[in-house]
Protein backbone atom coordinates (compact mmCIF):
# COMPACT_ATOMS: atom_id res chain seq x y z
CA UNK A 1 6.94 -36.21 -116.49
CA UNK A 2 4.34 -33.67 -117.60
CA UNK A 3 4.96 -31.49 -114.55
CA UNK A 4 8.64 -31.07 -115.44
CA UNK A 5 7.70 -30.20 -119.02
CA UNK A 6 5.47 -27.46 -117.65
CA UNK A 7 8.27 -26.17 -115.41
CA UNK A 8 10.73 -26.17 -118.31
CA UNK A 9 8.22 -24.24 -120.39
CA UNK A 10 8.52 -21.44 -117.82
CA UNK A 11 12.25 -21.54 -117.07
CA UNK A 12 13.93 -22.53 -120.34
CA UNK A 13 14.95 -19.56 -122.50
CA UNK A 14 12.90 -19.25 -125.67
CA UNK A 15 14.60 -19.11 -129.07
CA UNK A 16 13.97 -15.37 -129.15
CA UNK A 17 15.55 -14.93 -125.70
CA UNK A 18 18.50 -17.09 -126.73
CA UNK A 19 19.10 -14.93 -129.78
CA UNK A 20 19.07 -11.83 -127.61
CA UNK A 21 21.44 -13.36 -125.03
CA UNK A 22 23.83 -14.57 -127.73
CA UNK A 23 23.75 -11.22 -129.53
CA UNK A 24 24.41 -9.15 -126.40
CA UNK A 25 27.11 -11.59 -125.26
CA UNK A 26 28.87 -11.34 -128.63
CA UNK A 27 28.74 -7.54 -128.47
CA UNK A 28 30.21 -7.47 -124.96
CA UNK A 29 32.93 -9.99 -125.91
CA UNK A 30 33.82 -7.94 -129.02
CA UNK A 31 34.04 -4.75 -126.94
CA UNK A 32 36.31 -6.50 -124.43
CA UNK A 33 38.51 -8.07 -127.11
CA UNK A 34 38.99 -4.74 -128.89
CA UNK A 35 40.09 -3.07 -125.64
CA UNK A 36 42.40 -5.99 -124.75
CA UNK A 37 44.14 -5.77 -128.15
CA UNK A 38 44.85 -2.09 -127.53
CA UNK A 39 45.84 -2.25 -123.87
CA UNK A 40 46.88 -5.76 -122.75
CA UNK A 41 47.54 -7.98 -125.74
CA UNK A 42 48.91 -10.80 -123.54
CA UNK A 43 45.57 -11.17 -121.75
CA UNK A 44 43.25 -13.99 -122.83
CA UNK A 45 39.50 -13.38 -122.60
CA UNK A 46 37.28 -16.19 -121.27
CA UNK A 47 33.48 -16.31 -121.17
CA UNK A 48 32.55 -18.39 -118.11
CA UNK A 49 29.48 -19.08 -115.98
CA UNK A 50 25.97 -20.22 -116.86
CA UNK A 51 25.80 -18.48 -120.25
CA UNK A 52 28.99 -20.18 -121.42
CA UNK A 53 27.66 -23.53 -120.14
CA UNK A 54 24.08 -22.89 -121.35
CA UNK A 55 22.58 -23.63 -117.93
CA UNK A 56 21.03 -20.20 -117.33
CA UNK A 57 17.36 -19.73 -116.51
CA UNK A 58 14.99 -17.59 -118.52
CA UNK A 59 15.24 -13.98 -117.41
CA UNK A 60 18.41 -14.66 -115.40
CA UNK A 61 21.44 -14.23 -117.60
CA UNK A 62 24.52 -12.51 -116.21
CA UNK A 63 27.58 -12.29 -118.43
CA UNK A 64 30.84 -13.33 -116.75
CA UNK A 65 34.03 -12.23 -118.50
CA UNK A 66 37.39 -13.31 -117.10
CA UNK A 67 40.57 -11.49 -118.06
CA UNK A 68 43.27 -14.16 -117.85
CA UNK A 69 46.78 -12.78 -117.29
CA UNK A 70 49.97 -14.78 -117.92
CA UNK A 71 51.26 -16.78 -114.95
CA UNK A 72 54.44 -14.70 -114.99
CA UNK A 73 52.46 -11.65 -113.78
CA UNK A 74 52.82 -10.88 -110.09
CA UNK A 75 49.70 -10.73 -107.95
CA UNK A 76 50.23 -7.00 -107.54
CA UNK A 77 50.42 -6.61 -111.33
CA UNK A 78 47.30 -8.70 -111.77
CA UNK A 79 45.34 -6.57 -109.34
CA UNK A 80 46.53 -3.23 -110.70
CA UNK A 81 46.59 -3.91 -114.43
CA UNK A 82 43.57 -6.20 -114.23
CA UNK A 83 41.43 -3.54 -112.60
CA UNK A 84 42.62 -0.88 -115.07
CA UNK A 85 41.72 -3.13 -118.00
CA UNK A 86 38.36 -4.06 -116.48
CA UNK A 87 37.55 -0.37 -115.97
CA UNK A 88 38.61 0.44 -119.52
CA UNK A 89 36.18 -2.21 -120.80
CA UNK A 90 33.51 -0.91 -118.41
CA UNK A 91 33.94 2.57 -119.88
CA UNK A 92 32.80 1.18 -123.22
CA UNK A 93 29.64 -0.28 -121.68
CA UNK A 94 26.76 1.73 -120.21
CA UNK A 95 28.06 2.14 -116.66
CA UNK A 96 30.16 0.27 -114.14
CA UNK A 97 31.30 0.12 -110.54
CA UNK A 98 34.30 -1.43 -108.82
CA UNK A 99 33.50 -4.35 -106.51
CA UNK A 100 35.77 -6.32 -104.23
CA UNK A 101 36.28 -10.03 -103.60
CA UNK A 102 39.77 -11.56 -103.24
CA UNK A 103 40.86 -8.71 -105.50
CA UNK A 104 38.95 -5.87 -107.17
CA UNK A 105 36.82 -6.45 -110.26
CA UNK A 106 34.22 -4.52 -112.24
CA UNK A 107 30.44 -4.86 -112.34
CA UNK A 108 28.91 -3.28 -115.41
CA UNK A 109 25.54 -2.90 -117.14
CA UNK A 110 24.96 -3.27 -120.87
CA UNK A 111 21.52 -3.37 -122.53
CA UNK A 112 19.95 -4.50 -119.27
CA UNK A 113 22.45 -7.32 -118.67
CA UNK A 114 24.64 -7.51 -115.57
CA UNK A 115 28.26 -8.08 -116.49
CA UNK A 116 31.15 -9.10 -114.21
CA UNK A 117 34.64 -8.41 -115.52
CA UNK A 118 37.12 -10.32 -113.39
CA UNK A 119 40.94 -10.43 -113.62
CA UNK A 120 42.49 -13.88 -113.06
CA UNK A 121 45.42 -16.05 -114.08
CA UNK A 122 45.41 -18.06 -117.31
CA UNK A 123 45.62 -21.47 -115.67
CA UNK A 124 45.62 -24.83 -117.44
CA UNK A 125 45.41 -27.04 -114.32
CA UNK A 126 44.83 -26.93 -110.56
CA UNK A 127 48.59 -26.85 -109.97
CA UNK A 128 48.72 -23.36 -111.50
CA UNK A 129 45.79 -21.90 -109.51
CA UNK A 130 46.92 -18.83 -107.56
CA UNK A 131 43.67 -17.00 -106.75
CA UNK A 132 40.20 -18.32 -105.90
CA UNK A 133 38.69 -17.11 -109.18
CA UNK A 134 41.23 -18.85 -111.42
CA UNK A 135 39.29 -22.12 -111.23
CA UNK A 136 36.25 -20.62 -112.97
CA UNK A 137 37.92 -21.11 -116.37
CA UNK A 138 38.57 -24.77 -115.53
CA UNK A 139 35.04 -25.21 -114.13
CA UNK A 140 33.42 -23.98 -117.33
CA UNK A 141 35.59 -26.21 -119.52
CA UNK A 142 34.97 -29.32 -117.36
CA UNK A 143 31.18 -28.89 -117.21
CA UNK A 144 30.91 -28.30 -120.97
CA UNK A 145 32.89 -31.51 -121.57
CA UNK A 146 30.82 -33.63 -119.15
CA UNK A 147 27.26 -32.27 -119.17
CA UNK A 148 26.34 -34.19 -122.35
CA UNK A 149 23.12 -32.36 -123.18
CA UNK A 150 21.65 -32.43 -119.68
CA UNK A 151 21.40 -28.63 -119.54
CA UNK A 152 17.66 -28.66 -118.90
CA UNK A 153 18.15 -31.04 -115.94
CA UNK A 154 20.40 -28.40 -114.38
CA UNK A 155 17.74 -25.78 -115.01
CA UNK A 156 15.15 -27.90 -113.20
CA UNK A 157 17.43 -28.37 -110.20
CA UNK A 158 18.27 -24.67 -110.05
CA UNK A 159 14.59 -23.71 -110.12
CA UNK A 160 13.76 -26.32 -107.47
CA UNK A 161 16.48 -24.92 -105.20
CA UNK A 162 15.31 -21.36 -105.85
CA UNK A 163 11.81 -22.43 -104.84
CA UNK A 164 13.26 -23.82 -101.60
CA UNK A 165 15.31 -20.63 -101.04
CA UNK A 166 18.46 -22.78 -101.03
CA UNK A 167 20.15 -21.59 -104.24
CA UNK A 168 23.34 -19.55 -104.11
CA UNK A 169 26.68 -20.00 -102.36
CA UNK A 170 26.93 -16.41 -101.11
CA UNK A 171 27.66 -16.08 -97.40
CA UNK A 172 24.21 -14.64 -96.81
CA UNK A 173 22.57 -17.68 -98.47
CA UNK A 174 24.92 -20.65 -97.86
CA UNK A 175 23.09 -22.79 -100.33
CA UNK A 176 23.92 -24.68 -103.53
CA UNK A 177 26.09 -22.89 -106.07
CA UNK A 178 25.35 -23.10 -109.77
CA UNK A 179 28.50 -25.20 -110.26
CA UNK A 180 27.40 -27.61 -107.52
CA UNK A 181 24.00 -28.10 -109.20
CA UNK A 182 25.78 -28.92 -112.46
CA UNK A 183 28.01 -31.48 -110.74
CA UNK A 184 25.03 -33.13 -109.02
CA UNK A 185 23.25 -33.53 -112.36
CA UNK A 186 26.42 -34.95 -113.94
CA UNK A 187 26.75 -37.36 -111.00
CA UNK A 188 23.15 -38.60 -110.95
CA UNK A 189 22.20 -38.11 -114.60
CA UNK A 190 18.99 -36.14 -114.19
CA UNK A 191 16.90 -34.08 -111.82
CA UNK A 192 14.52 -36.96 -111.10
CA UNK A 193 17.34 -39.44 -110.44
CA UNK A 194 18.82 -37.00 -107.93
CA UNK A 195 15.44 -36.76 -106.22
CA UNK A 196 15.21 -40.56 -106.12
CA UNK A 197 18.68 -40.77 -104.56
CA UNK A 198 18.25 -37.98 -102.02
CA UNK A 199 18.46 -40.33 -99.04
CA UNK A 200 21.62 -41.86 -100.45
CA UNK A 201 23.07 -38.39 -101.06
CA UNK A 202 22.50 -37.54 -97.40
CA UNK A 203 24.43 -40.62 -96.30
CA UNK A 204 27.37 -40.96 -98.71
CA UNK A 205 28.75 -37.52 -97.84
CA UNK A 206 31.53 -37.70 -100.47
CA UNK A 207 31.31 -37.22 -104.24
CA UNK A 208 34.52 -37.60 -106.24
CA UNK A 209 33.70 -37.29 -109.95
CA UNK A 210 37.30 -37.11 -111.14
CA UNK A 211 38.68 -39.91 -108.93
CA UNK A 212 41.04 -37.68 -106.95
CA UNK A 213 40.96 -40.06 -103.97
CA UNK A 214 42.95 -42.47 -106.16
CA UNK A 215 44.91 -40.03 -108.31
CA UNK A 216 45.90 -37.55 -105.57
CA UNK A 217 45.05 -39.40 -102.33
CA UNK A 218 47.09 -37.23 -99.97
CA UNK A 219 45.49 -33.96 -101.09
CA UNK A 220 42.00 -35.41 -101.60
CA UNK A 221 41.88 -37.09 -98.18
CA UNK A 222 43.06 -33.85 -96.58
CA UNK A 223 40.07 -32.15 -98.22
CA UNK A 224 37.71 -34.83 -96.91
CA UNK A 225 39.20 -34.64 -93.42
CA UNK A 226 39.04 -30.85 -93.32
CA UNK A 227 35.48 -30.68 -94.64
CA UNK A 228 34.12 -33.73 -92.85
CA UNK A 229 31.70 -31.76 -90.68
CA UNK A 230 29.99 -30.24 -93.74
CA UNK A 231 26.77 -31.82 -95.06
CA UNK A 232 28.47 -32.70 -98.37
CA UNK A 233 32.03 -33.06 -99.59
CA UNK A 234 32.14 -32.72 -103.37
CA UNK A 235 35.78 -32.83 -104.36
CA UNK A 236 36.21 -30.31 -107.15
CA UNK A 237 36.78 -32.19 -110.42
CA UNK A 238 39.38 -29.58 -111.37
CA UNK A 239 41.13 -29.29 -107.98
CA UNK A 240 41.50 -32.02 -105.32
CA UNK A 241 42.16 -29.40 -102.64
CA UNK A 242 38.67 -27.90 -102.77
CA UNK A 243 35.19 -28.91 -101.61
CA UNK A 244 32.66 -27.47 -104.05
CA UNK A 245 29.99 -27.72 -101.32
CA UNK A 246 32.10 -25.93 -98.72
CA UNK A 247 29.68 -22.99 -98.49
CA UNK A 248 26.60 -25.22 -98.09
CA UNK A 249 25.09 -24.99 -94.60
CA UNK A 250 23.33 -27.80 -92.78
CA UNK A 251 20.18 -25.66 -92.71
CA UNK A 252 20.02 -25.24 -96.49
CA UNK A 253 20.95 -28.88 -97.10
CA UNK A 254 18.17 -29.85 -94.67
CA UNK A 255 15.66 -27.70 -96.54
CA UNK A 256 16.65 -29.33 -99.83
CA UNK A 257 16.57 -32.82 -98.30
CA UNK A 258 13.03 -32.53 -96.91
CA UNK A 259 11.68 -30.75 -99.98
CA UNK A 260 13.13 -33.48 -102.20
CA UNK A 261 11.68 -36.23 -99.99
CA UNK A 262 8.27 -34.57 -100.16
CA UNK A 263 8.55 -34.01 -103.92
CA UNK A 264 9.20 -37.74 -104.41
CA UNK A 265 5.91 -38.54 -102.68
CA UNK A 266 3.83 -35.77 -104.21
CA UNK A 267 5.34 -33.81 -107.14
CA UNK A 268 3.74 -30.38 -107.48
CA UNK A 269 4.41 -27.11 -109.28
CA UNK A 270 4.47 -25.45 -105.85
CA UNK A 271 7.98 -26.81 -105.23
CA UNK A 272 9.34 -24.80 -108.15
CA UNK A 273 7.11 -21.74 -107.83
CA UNK A 274 6.01 -21.46 -104.19
CA UNK A 275 3.13 -19.14 -103.40
CA UNK A 276 3.84 -16.02 -101.44
CA UNK A 277 3.86 -16.51 -97.68
CA UNK A 278 0.68 -15.37 -95.94
CA UNK A 279 1.25 -12.41 -93.66
CA UNK A 280 -0.64 -11.76 -90.44
CA UNK A 281 -0.32 -9.37 -87.51
CA UNK A 282 2.86 -9.98 -85.53
CA UNK A 283 1.32 -8.40 -82.41
CA UNK A 284 -1.56 -10.89 -82.45
CA UNK A 285 0.95 -13.68 -82.94
CA UNK A 286 2.97 -12.53 -79.93
CA UNK A 287 -0.15 -12.61 -77.76
CA UNK A 288 -1.05 -16.08 -79.00
CA UNK A 289 2.42 -17.46 -78.41
CA UNK A 290 3.02 -15.68 -75.12
CA UNK A 291 6.57 -14.81 -76.14
CA UNK A 292 8.32 -11.47 -76.60
CA UNK A 293 10.17 -9.81 -79.45
CA UNK A 294 13.35 -7.79 -78.96
CA UNK A 295 14.58 -5.77 -81.95
CA UNK A 296 18.02 -4.17 -82.13
CA UNK A 297 17.72 -1.46 -84.79
CA UNK A 298 20.46 0.77 -86.22
CA UNK A 299 21.41 2.60 -89.46
CA UNK A 300 22.63 0.20 -92.14
CA UNK A 301 26.43 0.35 -92.33
CA UNK A 302 28.04 0.99 -95.71
CA UNK A 303 29.20 -2.61 -96.11
CA UNK A 304 28.60 -5.09 -98.91
CA UNK A 305 26.24 -7.98 -98.12
CA UNK A 306 29.10 -10.49 -98.07
CA UNK A 307 30.53 -8.59 -95.09
CA UNK A 308 27.43 -7.17 -93.41
CA UNK A 309 25.20 -10.27 -93.25
CA UNK A 310 27.78 -12.56 -91.57
CA UNK A 311 28.54 -9.82 -89.03
CA UNK A 312 24.85 -9.39 -88.26
CA UNK A 313 24.63 -13.15 -87.82
CA UNK A 314 27.64 -13.19 -85.48
CA UNK A 315 26.13 -10.37 -83.43
CA UNK A 316 22.71 -12.07 -83.26
CA UNK A 317 24.27 -15.35 -82.12
CA UNK A 318 26.43 -13.46 -79.62
CA UNK A 319 23.37 -11.76 -78.12
CA UNK A 320 21.50 -15.06 -78.04
CA UNK A 321 24.34 -16.75 -76.14
CA UNK A 322 24.82 -13.88 -73.66
CA UNK A 323 21.09 -13.58 -72.88
CA UNK A 324 20.86 -17.31 -72.25
CA UNK A 325 23.69 -16.98 -69.75
CA UNK A 326 21.67 -14.22 -68.06
CA UNK A 327 18.73 -16.58 -67.57
CA UNK A 328 16.51 -15.62 -70.54
CA UNK A 329 15.17 -18.33 -72.82
CA UNK A 330 15.94 -17.33 -76.42
CA UNK A 331 13.82 -19.28 -78.88
CA UNK A 332 15.27 -17.98 -82.11
CA UNK A 333 17.10 -15.09 -83.75
CA UNK A 334 16.85 -13.31 -87.09
CA UNK A 335 18.92 -10.62 -88.80
CA UNK A 336 19.10 -8.56 -91.98
CA UNK A 337 18.25 -5.10 -93.21
CA UNK A 338 15.48 -3.13 -94.84
CA UNK A 339 15.73 0.64 -94.41
CA UNK A 340 17.83 -0.06 -91.29
CA UNK A 341 19.84 -3.05 -90.13
CA UNK A 342 18.15 -5.22 -87.53
CA UNK A 343 18.60 -8.14 -85.17
CA UNK A 344 15.47 -9.86 -83.85
CA UNK A 345 15.31 -12.13 -80.81
CA UNK A 346 12.28 -14.07 -79.65
CA UNK A 347 12.53 -14.53 -75.87
CA UNK A 348 10.40 -15.93 -73.05
CA UNK A 349 10.03 -12.71 -70.98
CA UNK A 350 11.15 -9.13 -70.83
CA UNK A 351 11.75 -9.00 -67.06
CA UNK A 352 13.50 -11.32 -64.65
CA UNK A 353 13.43 -11.47 -60.84
CA UNK A 354 16.70 -10.59 -59.18
CA UNK A 355 17.87 -10.38 -55.60
CA UNK A 356 19.95 -7.34 -54.72
CA UNK A 357 22.07 -6.94 -51.61
CA UNK A 358 21.23 -3.93 -49.43
CA UNK A 359 24.05 -2.53 -47.43
CA UNK A 360 22.81 -1.14 -44.09
CA UNK A 361 24.37 1.05 -41.36
CA UNK A 362 26.51 -0.13 -38.49
CA UNK A 363 24.14 -1.59 -35.89
CA UNK A 364 25.09 0.81 -33.07
CA UNK A 365 24.14 3.93 -35.07
CA UNK A 366 20.84 5.86 -34.96
CA UNK A 367 19.76 4.52 -38.39
CA UNK A 368 20.25 0.86 -37.46
CA UNK A 369 16.83 0.37 -35.81
CA UNK A 370 15.09 2.05 -38.76
CA UNK A 371 16.89 -0.29 -41.21
CA UNK A 372 16.07 -3.26 -38.96
CA UNK A 373 12.38 -2.36 -38.88
CA UNK A 374 11.95 -1.76 -42.62
CA UNK A 375 13.56 -4.94 -43.94
CA UNK A 376 12.29 -8.50 -43.70
CA UNK A 377 15.63 -10.32 -43.76
CA UNK A 378 18.39 -8.68 -41.76
CA UNK A 379 21.78 -10.06 -40.70
CA UNK A 380 25.02 -8.81 -39.21
CA UNK A 381 28.46 -9.08 -40.73
CA UNK A 382 31.01 -7.53 -38.47
CA UNK A 383 29.47 -4.31 -37.19
CA UNK A 384 27.30 -3.72 -40.26
CA UNK A 385 23.70 -4.69 -41.02
CA UNK A 386 22.73 -6.27 -44.34
CA UNK A 387 19.50 -7.18 -46.06
CA UNK A 388 18.33 -8.35 -49.48
CA UNK A 389 15.70 -7.04 -51.82
CA UNK A 390 13.82 -8.71 -54.66
CA UNK A 391 13.69 -6.56 -57.82
CA UNK A 392 12.59 -6.97 -61.42
CA UNK A 393 15.25 -6.29 -64.04
CA UNK A 394 14.24 -5.52 -67.63
CA UNK A 395 15.86 -7.15 -70.66
CA UNK A 396 16.79 -3.75 -72.11
CA UNK A 397 18.79 -2.97 -68.98
CA UNK A 398 20.42 -6.39 -69.17
CA UNK A 399 21.42 -5.89 -72.84
CA UNK A 400 22.77 -2.40 -72.15
CA UNK A 401 24.84 -3.74 -69.25
CA UNK A 402 26.17 -6.55 -71.42
CA UNK A 403 27.19 -4.04 -74.08
CA UNK A 404 28.80 -1.73 -71.52
CA UNK A 405 30.86 -4.62 -70.11
CA UNK A 406 31.78 -5.96 -73.59
CA UNK A 407 30.19 -9.29 -72.70
CA UNK A 408 28.60 -9.91 -76.11
CA UNK A 409 30.45 -11.30 -79.13
CA UNK A 410 29.67 -8.82 -81.92
CA UNK A 411 30.79 -8.43 -85.55
CA UNK A 412 33.89 -6.26 -85.51
CA UNK A 413 32.77 -3.85 -88.26
CA UNK A 414 29.37 -3.20 -86.67
CA UNK A 415 30.25 -3.45 -82.96
CA UNK A 416 29.78 0.24 -82.14
CA UNK A 417 26.65 0.50 -84.28
CA UNK A 418 25.04 -2.38 -82.39
CA UNK A 419 26.05 -0.98 -79.00
CA UNK A 420 24.42 2.36 -79.85
CA UNK A 421 21.32 0.84 -81.46
CA UNK A 422 17.72 1.40 -80.48
CA UNK A 423 16.29 -1.53 -78.50
CA UNK A 424 12.59 -2.10 -79.17
CA UNK A 425 10.30 -4.40 -77.19
CA UNK A 426 7.32 -6.06 -78.91
CA UNK A 427 7.28 -3.37 -81.58
CA UNK A 428 8.81 -2.96 -85.03
CA UNK A 429 8.71 -0.14 -87.61
CA UNK A 430 6.15 -0.54 -90.39
CA UNK A 431 8.69 -1.81 -92.97
CA UNK A 432 9.64 -4.70 -90.65
CA UNK A 433 6.11 -5.86 -89.76
CA UNK A 434 6.04 -8.62 -92.40
CA UNK A 435 9.57 -9.71 -91.47
CA UNK A 436 8.59 -9.90 -87.79
CA UNK A 437 5.50 -11.99 -88.56
CA UNK A 438 7.38 -14.46 -90.78
CA UNK A 439 10.12 -14.75 -88.16
CA UNK A 440 7.74 -15.36 -85.25
CA UNK A 441 5.53 -17.70 -87.27
CA UNK A 442 8.59 -19.59 -88.57
CA UNK A 443 7.23 -19.25 -92.10
CA UNK A 444 10.52 -17.67 -93.12
CA UNK A 445 12.21 -21.06 -92.77
CA UNK A 446 9.27 -23.46 -92.88
CA UNK A 447 10.35 -26.50 -94.86
CA UNK A 448 6.97 -28.15 -95.24
CA UNK A 449 5.19 -27.52 -98.53
């Protein structure tokens, strides 16, 4: 297809870029090997990820180095010695920082390339896997053995998913991982064949490339049973206990599904390289829709995205649920950060009618007649007069009361920040104006091309 040739012309690394990537990768590997020989001679160095598998996109080439320790090493040893070795390698690059996943690792920069240096165990099979990152060595080996020259098909699928904003397994994306895209291409043979089978993919639910359901039925069926509510169950070819698509959300699978269906009918470059969303005035949009925007705004906590974004989501969903219980219609919620962290809620109104009980005096006192005369509905309970009064209660007051009574489910690391946040009504700071418009207009998630 001519369209796909055009896309590949933009996303496939040129020979010049390949030479640069290979040269820088060799330099980084040599630096790491030299340090390993001096410090930890028992450690085996592995190049993993998209560079090792040659599935990287032009301009997007991170170098992933894994420091594989012997299985005899304790987890404590792995973490301590692994981080020391990673830092020692980082010291020989341009600069580095320590990052944290299941255990600490190093992120470095060298000649403009991002480099991850990750300690792991030197595993030969799934039975030896002891930490989540150990499988990466096995993943790289399996894909290289089974891809059979379909590297460009993976590139096309990656770019298509990036265009749909559904690429990446991070908790703040919940889309398709690079490894999952490679497995889908291996399963279906090409990008176009996957597009043709998109309806089938949505129905079969289970992909088992290595035949684990026959070879290890007890473990594989446990994986299927555990992951059955996910949009896809792709049993990891290197480990029957794992669903490669575990991080994939229904929302991102839905985006991919509809984009693929539309692409089948009308293939266009726009699917791979979507135009920038048009931005309008969020205040005009609010008037047109007749809805209201509530923004919870607070200083961005010093948390990594993998922690912060899920906690913002939990807090947004908690607020949505609590406000619905209080009688407000919540149409949608949004969360993230720019200069500050934010939670946005689109609601039907900013005030609600409430009836409040008015406690009056005893009816034989001097004030009783005055109370009786001023109030429309008056009744007696025992010796005391009572009445009721209609009032309007604002949503800000409602939210503050919910926070004060701990009646909102909030992310534990940001709970106090949210409770002390500014609450804005139908107004956002300048740096959030585009975000507010895209949220209210639904262009942020619009799946139609």
